[in-house]
Amino acid sequence: MLKNNILSDIGLKYPAPCARSFKIVDKWLILAFVFSIGALINIYLCGGMLLTLLKSAKVPIIWIQLTGFLLLPAGILTALALSSILVPAKHLLKHKLLLRRWRWHMIPEMLKFLLKLQLLIIPVMIGTKILFKMFGIEFSEPAINELLKSCTWTEFALFAFIAVAVAPLTEELMFRRILFGFFYPWTGRLMAFTATSILFACVHDAPVMWPALFILGAGMQLVYLRSRSLYPAIILHVFNNSIAVCLISFIRFFPDSQLAKMIG
């Protein structure tokens, strides 16, 4: 069970029983939230125009997809840079971003936790696809997956770096630290936990994957709260994306294999 001292330790103040009006005492968190939401809105407005311009300029589709894939991390990093003006640089990583309490045992522990989580994620993913077919709902896999099966190895390596190194760090900062941290005092633990996991799922472009992504997001939120650090959530995200990259690599090397036919 999550304890209040864990939440207060990561900079959140749990409201007293029956108290309806309370405030976030961390001004940095408010500023980070405002800048992050502004970045997301800007991505959908200006980012859409940028991708349209790239298409009209006949830029290869893989580079358009990679540009779109980079917009969210770029927006999050910009928001963090702007909001960090309230905090001395030496305190930002440990005390505000909660990149602290590193322990080497987190690596094997998160790998084991992800494997257990997959026992729930995989059946949900398969069940969702079956339900979509039963109700005649058309669905497709993420467009980037199909492109990565035929792009050059240089393009694939760039995508792999973004997926394994850049996306886990920036997305965990956004969803686990900033969004949950902002919503929690206003909505309570359960609502903030649920809303953050839903938002994490919905930023991905494949609705058929949303239930499975919700479970993954909830798992990362849980380890973040229990560990009082972002490191375990980032490691878990890295492992998850690494598995996806390895599967796509296998398909590229062995396109006619039975596993490739099952996945593709």
C-alpha atoms as a PDB file:
ATOM      1  CA  MET A   1       0.000   0.000   0.000  1.00  0.00           C
ATOM      2  CA  LEU A   2       1.252   3.471  -0.841  1.00  0.00           C
ATOM      3  CA  LYS A   3       1.904   5.557   2.241  1.00  0.00           C
ATOM      4  CA  ASN A   4       1.479   9.274   2.698  1.00  0.00           C
ATOM      5  CA  ASN A   5       5.104   9.661   3.776  1.00  0.00           C
ATOM      6  CA  ILE A   6       6.176   8.416   0.340  1.00  0.00           C
ATOM      7  CA  LEU A   7       4.091  11.104  -1.340  1.00  0.00           C
ATOM      8  CA  SER A   8       5.297  13.839   0.989  1.00  0.00           C
ATOM      9  CA  ASP A   9       8.851  12.657   0.441  1.00  0.00           C
ATOM     10  CA  ILE A  10       8.580  13.262  -3.305  1.00  0.00           C
ATOM     11  CA  GLY A  11       7.333  16.768  -2.753  1.00  0.00           C
ATOM     12  CA  LEU A  12       3.575  16.273  -2.546  1.00  0.00           C
ATOM     13  CA  LYS A  13       1.405  17.329   0.341  1.00  0.00           C
ATOM     14  CA  TYR A  14      -1.546  15.052   0.983  1.00  0.00           C
ATOM     15  CA  PRO A  15      -4.661  16.981   2.083  1.00  0.00           C
ATOM     16  CA  ALA A  16      -6.015  16.555   5.584  1.00  0.00           C
ATOM     17  CA  PRO A  17      -9.205  14.428   5.888  1.00  0.00           C
ATOM     18  CA  CYS A  18     -12.288  16.307   4.646  1.00  0.00           C
ATOM     19  CA  ALA A  19     -10.138  19.208   3.427  1.00  0.00           C
ATOM     20  CA  ARG A  20     -11.291  20.258  -0.018  1.00  0.00           C
ATOM     21  CA  SER A  21      -9.180  23.337  -0.596  1.00  0.00           C
ATOM     22  CA  PHE A  22      -5.429  22.946  -0.600  1.00  0.00           C
ATOM     23  CA  LYS A  23      -2.539  24.140  -2.727  1.00  0.00           C
ATOM     24  CA  ILE A  24       0.608  22.753  -4.255  1.00  0.00           C
ATOM     25  CA  VAL A  25       3.428  24.238  -2.257  1.00  0.00           C
ATOM     26  CA  ASP A  26       6.043  23.521  -4.934  1.00  0.00           C
ATOM     27  CA  LYS A  27       5.994  26.501  -7.281  1.00  0.00           C
ATOM     28  CA  TRP A  28       8.447  24.759  -9.591  1.00  0.00           C
ATOM     29  CA  LEU A  29       5.941  21.975 -10.133  1.00  0.00           C
ATOM     30  CA  ILE A  30       3.223  24.455 -11.095  1.00  0.00           C
ATOM     31  CA  LEU A  31       5.533  26.189 -13.562  1.00  0.00           C
ATOM     32  CA  ALA A  32       6.738  22.878 -15.010  1.00  0.00           C
ATOM     33  CA  PHE A  33       3.126  21.780 -15.509  1.00  0.00           C
ATOM     34  CA  VAL A  34       2.141  25.045 -17.235  1.00  0.00           C
ATOM     35  CA  PHE A  35       5.141  24.968 -19.563  1.00  0.00           C
ATOM     36  CA  SER A  36       4.615  21.260 -20.308  1.00  0.00           C
ATOM     37  CA  ILE A  37       0.966  21.736 -21.254  1.00  0.00           C
ATOM     38  CA  GLY A  38       2.002  24.714 -23.372  1.00  0.00           C
ATOM     39  CA  ALA A  39       4.597  22.541 -25.086  1.00  0.00           C
ATOM     40  CA  LEU A  40       2.029  19.825 -25.822  1.00  0.00           C
ATOM     41  CA  ILE A  41      -0.416  22.335 -27.323  1.00  0.00           C
ATOM     42  CA  ASN A  42       2.384  23.846 -29.384  1.00  0.00           C
ATOM     43  CA  ILE A  43       3.398  20.394 -30.616  1.00  0.00           C
ATOM     44  CA  TYR A  44      -0.095  19.618 -31.875  1.00  0.00           C
ATOM     45  CA  LEU A  45      -0.479  23.039 -33.525  1.00  0.00           C
ATOM     46  CA  CYS A  46       2.957  23.987 -34.829  1.00  0.00           C
ATOM     47  CA  GLY A  47       4.147  20.391 -35.023  1.00  0.00           C
ATOM     48  CA  GLY A  48       1.258  19.514 -37.315  1.00  0.00           C
ATOM     49  CA  MET A  49       2.184  22.384 -39.623  1.00  0.00           C
ATOM     50  CA  LEU A  50       5.838  21.328 -39.584  1.00  0.00           C
ATOM     51  CA  LEU A  51       4.966  17.762 -40.584  1.00  0.00           C
ATOM     52  CA  THR A  52       2.702  19.081 -43.350  1.00  0.00           C
ATOM     53  CA  LEU A  53       5.557  21.219 -44.687  1.00  0.00           C
ATOM     54  CA  LEU A  54       7.890  18.221 -44.634  1.00  0.00           C
ATOM     55  CA  LYS A  55       5.365  16.181 -46.591  1.00  0.00           C
ATOM     56  CA  SER A  56       4.928  18.939 -49.170  1.00  0.00           C
ATOM     57  CA  ALA A  57       8.721  19.142 -49.499  1.00  0.00           C
ATOM     58  CA  LYS A  58       8.695  15.412 -50.314  1.00  0.00           C
ATOM     59  CA  VAL A  59      10.897  14.489 -47.346  1.00  0.00           C
ATOM     60  CA  PRO A  60      11.133  10.679 -46.939  1.00  0.00           C
ATOM     61  CA  ILE A  61       8.280   9.437 -44.765  1.00  0.00           C
ATOM     62  CA  ILE A  62      10.640   7.809 -42.248  1.00  0.00           C
ATOM     63  CA  TRP A  63      12.217  11.193 -41.480  1.00  0.00           C
ATOM     64  CA  ILE A  64       8.783  12.755 -41.081  1.00  0.00           C
ATOM     65  CA  GLN A  65       7.886  10.021 -38.599  1.00  0.00           C
ATOM     66  CA  LEU A  66      11.140  10.457 -36.718  1.00  0.00           C
ATOM     67  CA  THR A  67      10.595  14.225 -36.572  1.00  0.00           C
ATOM     68  CA  GLY A  68       7.147  13.650 -35.106  1.00  0.00           C
ATOM     69  CA  PHE A  69       8.636  11.148 -32.669  1.00  0.00           C
ATOM     70  CA  LEU A  70      11.119  13.786 -31.467  1.00  0.00           C
ATOM     71  CA  LEU A  71       8.589  16.577 -30.948  1.00  0.00           C
ATOM     72  CA  LEU A  72       7.316  15.330 -27.584  1.00  0.00           C
ATOM     73  CA  PRO A  73      10.790  14.885 -26.005  1.00  0.00           C
ATOM     74  CA  ALA A  74      11.861  18.273 -27.383  1.00  0.00           C
ATOM     75  CA  GLY A  75       8.777  19.945 -25.912  1.00  0.00           C
ATOM     76  CA  ILE A  76       9.263  18.321 -22.511  1.00  0.00           C
ATOM     77  CA  LEU A  77      12.947  19.250 -22.328  1.00  0.00           C
ATOM     78  CA  THR A  78      12.122  22.835 -23.315  1.00  0.00           C
ATOM     79  CA  ALA A  79       9.450  23.021 -20.608  1.00  0.00           C
ATOM     80  CA  LEU A  80      11.878  21.680 -17.993  1.00  0.00           C
ATOM     81  CA  ALA A  81      14.562  24.146 -19.072  1.00  0.00           C
ATOM     82  CA  LEU A  82      12.155  27.081 -18.742  1.00  0.00           C
ATOM     83  CA  SER A  83      10.769  25.976 -15.376  1.00  0.00           C
ATOM     84  CA  SER A  84      14.241  25.301 -13.952  1.00  0.00           C
ATOM     85  CA  ILE A  85      14.875  29.046 -13.618  1.00  0.00           C
ATOM     86  CA  LEU A  86      13.243  28.741 -10.178  1.00  0.00           C
ATOM     87  CA  VAL A  87      15.744  26.162  -8.956  1.00  0.00           C
ATOM     88  CA  PRO A  88      19.533  26.287  -8.563  1.00  0.00           C
ATOM     89  CA  ALA A  89      21.089  23.906 -11.085  1.00  0.00           C
ATOM     90  CA  LYS A  90      22.755  21.744  -8.421  1.00  0.00           C
ATOM     91  CA  HIS A  91      19.359  21.012  -6.818  1.00  0.00           C
ATOM     92  CA  LEU A  92      17.330  20.444  -9.997  1.00  0.00           C
ATOM     93  CA  LEU A  93      18.177  16.809 -10.734  1.00  0.00           C
ATOM     94  CA  LYS A  94      17.991  15.361  -7.253  1.00  0.00           C
ATOM     95  CA  HIS A  95      15.329  17.407  -5.534  1.00  0.00           C
ATOM     96  CA  LYS A  96      12.995  18.448  -8.329  1.00  0.00           C
ATOM     97  CA  LEU A  97      13.359  15.835 -11.057  1.00  0.00           C
ATOM     98  CA  LEU A  98      13.801  13.089  -8.436  1.00  0.00           C
ATOM     99  CA  LEU A  99      16.709  11.518 -10.254  1.00  0.00           C
ATOM    100  CA  ARG A 100      18.112  10.234  -6.977  1.00  0.00           C
ATOM    101  CA  ARG A 101      18.592   7.120  -4.858  1.00  0.00           C
ATOM    102  CA  TRP A 102      20.251   5.164  -7.640  1.00  0.00           C
ATOM    103  CA  ARG A 103      20.777   1.514  -6.803  1.00  0.00           C
ATOM    104  CA  TRP A 104      22.276  -1.062  -9.161  1.00  0.00           C
ATOM    105  CA  HIS A 105      19.796  -3.700  -8.016  1.00  0.00           C
ATOM    106  CA  MET A 106      17.056  -1.635  -9.683  1.00  0.00           C
ATOM    107  CA  ILE A 107      18.158  -3.025 -13.063  1.00  0.00           C
ATOM    108  CA  PRO A 108      17.467  -6.749 -12.438  1.00  0.00           C
ATOM    109  CA  GLU A 109      14.431  -5.918 -10.307  1.00  0.00           C
ATOM    110  CA  MET A 110      12.815  -3.862 -13.079  1.00  0.00           C
ATOM    111  CA  LEU A 111      13.603  -6.528 -15.654  1.00  0.00           C
ATOM    112  CA  LYS A 112      11.845  -9.149 -13.519  1.00  0.00           C
ATOM    113  CA  PHE A 113       8.944  -6.780 -12.879  1.00  0.00           C
ATOM    114  CA  LEU A 114       8.538  -6.087 -16.612  1.00  0.00           C
ATOM    115  CA  LEU A 115       8.480  -9.806 -17.410  1.00  0.00           C
ATOM    116  CA  LYS A 116       5.728 -10.272 -14.833  1.00  0.00           C
ATOM    117  CA  LEU A 117       3.893  -7.252 -16.211  1.00  0.00           C
ATOM    118  CA  GLN A 118       4.014  -8.782 -19.700  1.00  0.00           C
ATOM    119  CA  LEU A 119       1.945 -11.706 -18.394  1.00  0.00           C
ATOM    120  CA  LEU A 120      -0.864  -9.182 -18.039  1.00  0.00           C
ATOM    121  CA  ILE A 121      -0.046  -6.877 -20.960  1.00  0.00           C
ATOM    122  CA  ILE A 122       0.162  -9.565 -23.669  1.00  0.00           C
ATOM    123  CA  PRO A 123      -3.257 -11.174 -22.945  1.00  0.00           C
ATOM    124  CA  VAL A 124      -4.843  -7.700 -22.754  1.00  0.00           C
ATOM    125  CA  MET A 125      -3.252  -6.750 -26.074  1.00  0.00           C
ATOM    126  CA  ILE A 126      -4.476  -9.937 -27.752  1.00  0.00           C
ATOM    127  CA  GLY A 127      -7.925  -9.622 -26.166  1.00  0.00           C
ATOM    128  CA  THR A 128      -8.261  -6.008 -27.334  1.00  0.00           C
ATOM    129  CA  LYS A 129      -7.485  -6.985 -30.924  1.00  0.00           C
ATOM    130  CA  ILE A 130     -10.047  -9.798 -30.758  1.00  0.00           C
ATOM    131  CA  LEU A 131     -12.698  -7.396 -29.407  1.00  0.00           C
ATOM    132  CA  PHE A 132     -11.936  -4.856 -32.138  1.00  0.00           C
ATOM    133  CA  LYS A 133     -12.423  -7.561 -34.762  1.00  0.00           C
ATOM    134  CA  MET A 134     -15.646  -8.830 -33.124  1.00  0.00           C
ATOM    135  CA  PHE A 135     -17.184  -5.349 -33.212  1.00  0.00           C
ATOM    136  CA  GLY A 136     -15.876  -4.597 -36.687  1.00  0.00           C
ATOM    137  CA  ILE A 137     -13.572  -1.794 -35.518  1.00  0.00           C
ATOM    138  CA  GLU A 138     -10.727  -1.220 -37.924  1.00  0.00           C
ATOM    139  CA  PHE A 139      -7.308  -0.890 -36.344  1.00  0.00           C
ATOM    140  CA  SER A 140      -3.704  -0.724 -37.404  1.00  0.00           C
ATOM    141  CA  GLU A 141      -0.348  -1.054 -35.717  1.00  0.00           C
ATOM    142  CA  PRO A 142       1.710   2.127 -35.163  1.00  0.00           C
ATOM    143  CA  ALA A 143       2.760   3.451 -38.578  1.00  0.00           C
ATOM    144  CA  ILE A 144       6.378   3.765 -37.471  1.00  0.00           C
ATOM    145  CA  ASN A 145       6.602  -0.011 -36.942  1.00  0.00           C
ATOM    146  CA  GLU A 146       5.895  -0.747 -40.601  1.00  0.00           C
ATOM    147  CA  LEU A 147       8.376   1.887 -41.770  1.00  0.00           C
ATOM    148  CA  LEU A 148      11.119   0.534 -39.528  1.00  0.00           C
ATOM    149  CA  LYS A 149      10.888  -2.864 -41.177  1.00  0.00           C
ATOM    150  CA  SER A 150      12.100  -1.408 -44.482  1.00  0.00           C
ATOM    151  CA  CYS A 151      14.122   1.721 -43.617  1.00  0.00           C
ATOM    152  CA  THR A 152      17.923   1.910 -43.784  1.00  0.00           C
ATOM    153  CA  TRP A 153      19.987   0.740 -40.830  1.00  0.00           C
ATOM    154  CA  THR A 154      21.141   4.316 -40.181  1.00  0.00           C
ATOM    155  CA  GLU A 155      17.540   5.457 -39.860  1.00  0.00           C
ATOM    156  CA  PHE A 156      16.738   2.439 -37.716  1.00  0.00           C
ATOM    157  CA  ALA A 157      19.694   3.151 -35.408  1.00  0.00           C
ATOM    158  CA  LEU A 158      18.501   6.737 -34.933  1.00  0.00           C
ATOM    159  CA  PHE A 159      15.000   5.555 -34.081  1.00  0.00           C
ATOM    160  CA  ALA A 160      16.386   2.939 -31.678  1.00  0.00           C
ATOM    161  CA  PHE A 161      18.437   5.587 -29.852  1.00  0.00           C
ATOM    162  CA  ILE A 162      15.401   7.862 -29.472  1.00  0.00           C
ATOM    163  CA  ALA A 163      13.155   4.989 -28.369  1.00  0.00           C
ATOM    164  CA  VAL A 164      15.582   3.468 -25.867  1.00  0.00           C
ATOM    165  CA  ALA A 165      17.439   6.519 -24.504  1.00  0.00           C
ATOM    166  CA  VAL A 166      15.503   9.730 -25.153  1.00  0.00           C
ATOM    167  CA  ALA A 167      11.817   8.777 -24.904  1.00  0.00           C
ATOM    168  CA  PRO A 168      11.974   6.896 -21.545  1.00  0.00           C
ATOM    169  CA  LEU A 169      13.725   9.776 -19.775  1.00  0.00           C
ATOM    170  CA  THR A 170      11.546  12.582 -21.119  1.00  0.00           C
ATOM    171  CA  GLU A 171       8.220  10.723 -20.943  1.00  0.00           C
ATOM    172  CA  GLU A 172       8.797   9.578 -17.371  1.00  0.00           C
ATOM    173  CA  LEU A 173       9.657  13.128 -16.334  1.00  0.00           C
ATOM    174  CA  MET A 174       6.478  14.349 -18.007  1.00  0.00           C
ATOM    175  CA  PHE A 175       3.960  11.733 -16.873  1.00  0.00           C
ATOM    176  CA  ARG A 176       5.337  10.403 -13.617  1.00  0.00           C
ATOM    177  CA  ARG A 177       6.839  13.541 -12.090  1.00  0.00           C
ATOM    178  CA  ILE A 178       5.095  16.585 -13.590  1.00  0.00           C
ATOM    179  CA  LEU A 179       1.563  15.448 -14.485  1.00  0.00           C
ATOM    180  CA  PHE A 180       1.043  13.135 -11.516  1.00  0.00           C
ATOM    181  CA  GLY A 181       2.721  15.608  -9.198  1.00  0.00           C
ATOM    182  CA  PHE A 182       0.389  18.372 -10.325  1.00  0.00           C
ATOM    183  CA  PHE A 183      -2.859  16.388 -10.388  1.00  0.00           C
ATOM    184  CA  TYR A 184      -2.377  14.552  -7.088  1.00  0.00           C
ATOM    185  CA  PRO A 185      -3.144  17.396  -4.629  1.00  0.00           C
ATOM    186  CA  TRP A 186      -6.247  18.385  -6.583  1.00  0.00           C
ATOM    187  CA  THR A 187      -7.747  15.004  -7.378  1.00  0.00           C
ATOM    188  CA  GLY A 188      -6.324  12.573  -4.842  1.00  0.00           C
ATOM    189  CA  ARG A 189      -4.080   9.566  -5.314  1.00  0.00           C
ATOM    190  CA  LEU A 190      -6.359   7.215  -7.270  1.00  0.00           C
ATOM    191  CA  MET A 191      -7.664   9.800  -9.730  1.00  0.00           C
ATOM    192  CA  ALA A 192      -4.188  11.197 -10.419  1.00  0.00           C
ATOM    193  CA  PHE A 193      -2.810   7.670 -10.828  1.00  0.00           C
ATOM    194  CA  THR A 194      -5.572   6.728 -13.285  1.00  0.00           C
ATOM    195  CA  ALA A 195      -5.531   9.998 -15.245  1.00  0.00           C
ATOM    196  CA  THR A 196      -1.763   9.914 -15.708  1.00  0.00           C
ATOM    197  CA  SER A 197      -1.847   6.316 -16.956  1.00  0.00           C
ATOM    198  CA  ILE A 198      -4.669   7.137 -19.397  1.00  0.00           C
ATOM    199  CA  LEU A 199      -2.807  10.155 -20.758  1.00  0.00           C
ATOM    200  CA  PHE A 200       0.332   8.060 -21.181  1.00  0.00           C
ATOM    201  CA  ALA A 201      -1.600   5.544 -23.275  1.00  0.00           C
ATOM    202  CA  CYS A 202      -3.426   8.144 -25.364  1.00  0.00           C
ATOM    203  CA  VAL A 203      -0.320   9.992 -26.580  1.00  0.00           C
ATOM    204  CA  HIS A 204       0.549   6.897 -28.610  1.00  0.00           C
ATOM    205  CA  ASP A 205      -1.025   6.613 -32.050  1.00  0.00           C
ATOM    206  CA  ALA A 206      -2.507   3.110 -31.916  1.00  0.00           C
ATOM    207  CA  PRO A 207      -5.897   2.877 -30.087  1.00  0.00           C
ATOM    208  CA  VAL A 208      -5.747  -0.908 -30.139  1.00  0.00           C
ATOM    209  CA  MET A 209      -2.686  -0.650 -27.884  1.00  0.00           C
ATOM    210  CA  TRP A 210      -4.218   1.770 -25.371  1.00  0.00           C
ATOM    211  CA  PRO A 211      -5.403  -0.803 -22.760  1.00  0.00           C
ATOM    212  CA  ALA A 212      -1.977  -2.469 -22.727  1.00  0.00           C
ATOM    213  CA  LEU A 213      -0.213   0.900 -22.577  1.00  0.00           C
ATOM    214  CA  PHE A 214      -2.459   1.920 -19.677  1.00  0.00           C
ATOM    215  CA  ILE A 215      -1.241  -1.116 -17.738  1.00  0.00           C
ATOM    216  CA  LEU A 216       2.374  -0.302 -18.601  1.00  0.00           C
ATOM    217  CA  GLY A 217       1.914   3.313 -17.512  1.00  0.00           C
ATOM    218  CA  ALA A 218       0.288   2.207 -14.257  1.00  0.00           C
ATOM    219  CA  GLY A 219       3.200  -0.143 -13.600  1.00  0.00           C
ATOM    220  CA  MET A 220       5.736   2.628 -14.094  1.00  0.00           C
ATOM    221  CA  GLN A 221       3.713   4.972 -11.885  1.00  0.00           C
ATOM    222  CA  LEU A 222       3.646   2.357  -9.142  1.00  0.00           C
ATOM    223  CA  VAL A 223       7.400   1.745  -9.085  1.00  0.00           C
ATOM    224  CA  TYR A 224       7.987   5.510  -9.135  1.00  0.00           C
ATOM    225  CA  LEU A 225       5.871   6.008  -6.025  1.00  0.00           C
ATOM    226  CA  ARG A 226       7.226   3.012  -4.162  1.00  0.00           C
ATOM    227  CA  SER A 227      10.879   3.836  -4.847  1.00  0.00           C
ATOM    228  CA  ARG A 228      10.552   7.630  -4.391  1.00  0.00           C
ATOM    229  CA  SER A 229      12.750   7.960  -7.470  1.00  0.00           C
ATOM    230  CA  LEU A 230      12.314   8.217 -11.221  1.00  0.00           C
ATOM    231  CA  TYR A 231      15.156   5.786 -11.926  1.00  0.00           C
ATOM    232  CA  PRO A 232      13.113   2.547 -11.660  1.00  0.00           C
ATOM    233  CA  ALA A 233      10.346   3.917 -13.927  1.00  0.00           C
ATOM    234  CA  ILE A 234      12.920   5.021 -16.504  1.00  0.00           C
ATOM    235  CA  ILE A 235      14.669   1.638 -16.377  1.00  0.00           C
ATOM    236  CA  LEU A 236      11.340  -0.155 -16.794  1.00  0.00           C
ATOM    237  CA  HIS A 237      10.514   2.073 -19.790  1.00  0.00           C
ATOM    238  CA  VAL A 238      13.954   1.441 -21.306  1.00  0.00           C
ATOM    239  CA  PHE A 239      13.529  -2.327 -21.022  1.00  0.00           C
ATOM    240  CA  ASN A 240      10.046  -2.210 -22.552  1.00  0.00           C
ATOM    241  CA  ASN A 241      11.173  -0.138 -25.546  1.00  0.00           C
ATOM    242  CA  SER A 242      14.312  -2.251 -25.932  1.00  0.00           C
ATOM    243  CA  ILE A 243      12.176  -5.378 -26.304  1.00  0.00           C
ATOM    244  CA  ALA A 244      10.152  -3.657 -29.047  1.00  0.00           C
ATOM    245  CA  VAL A 245      13.328  -2.565 -30.855  1.00  0.00           C
ATOM    246  CA  CYS A 246      14.779  -6.089 -30.607  1.00  0.00           C
ATOM    247  CA  LEU A 247      11.605  -7.618 -32.065  1.00  0.00           C
ATOM    248  CA  ILE A 248      11.635  -5.218 -35.011  1.00  0.00           C
ATOM    249  CA  SER A 249      15.358  -5.938 -35.522  1.00  0.00           C
ATOM    250  CA  PHE A 250      14.608  -9.663 -35.602  1.00  0.00           C
ATOM    251  CA  ILE A 251      11.925  -9.098 -38.242  1.00  0.00           C
ATOM    252  CA  ARG A 252      14.402  -7.102 -40.344  1.00  0.00           C
ATOM    253  CA  PHE A 253      16.969  -9.904 -40.183  1.00  0.00           C
ATOM    254  CA  PHE A 254      14.495 -12.793 -40.566  1.00  0.00           C
ATOM    255  CA  PRO A 255      11.411 -11.483 -42.423  1.00  0.00           C
ATOM    256  CA  ASP A 256      10.249 -15.002 -43.319  1.00  0.00           C
ATOM    257  CA  SER A 257      10.511 -16.494 -39.843  1.00  0.00           C
ATOM    258  CA  GLN A 258       7.488 -17.824 -37.971  1.00  0.00           C
ATOM    259  CA  LEU A 259       7.925 -15.187 -35.249  1.00  0.00           C
ATOM    260  CA  ALA A 260       7.960 -12.431 -37.858  1.00  0.00           C
ATOM    261  CA  LYS A 261       4.716 -13.749 -39.333  1.00  0.00           C
ATOM    262  CA  MET A 262       3.090 -13.902 -35.902  1.00  0.00           C
ATOM    263  CA  ILE A 263       4.125 -10.355 -34.978  1.00  0.00           C
ATOM    264  CA  GLY A 264       3.654  -8.809 -38.399  1.00  0.00           C
END
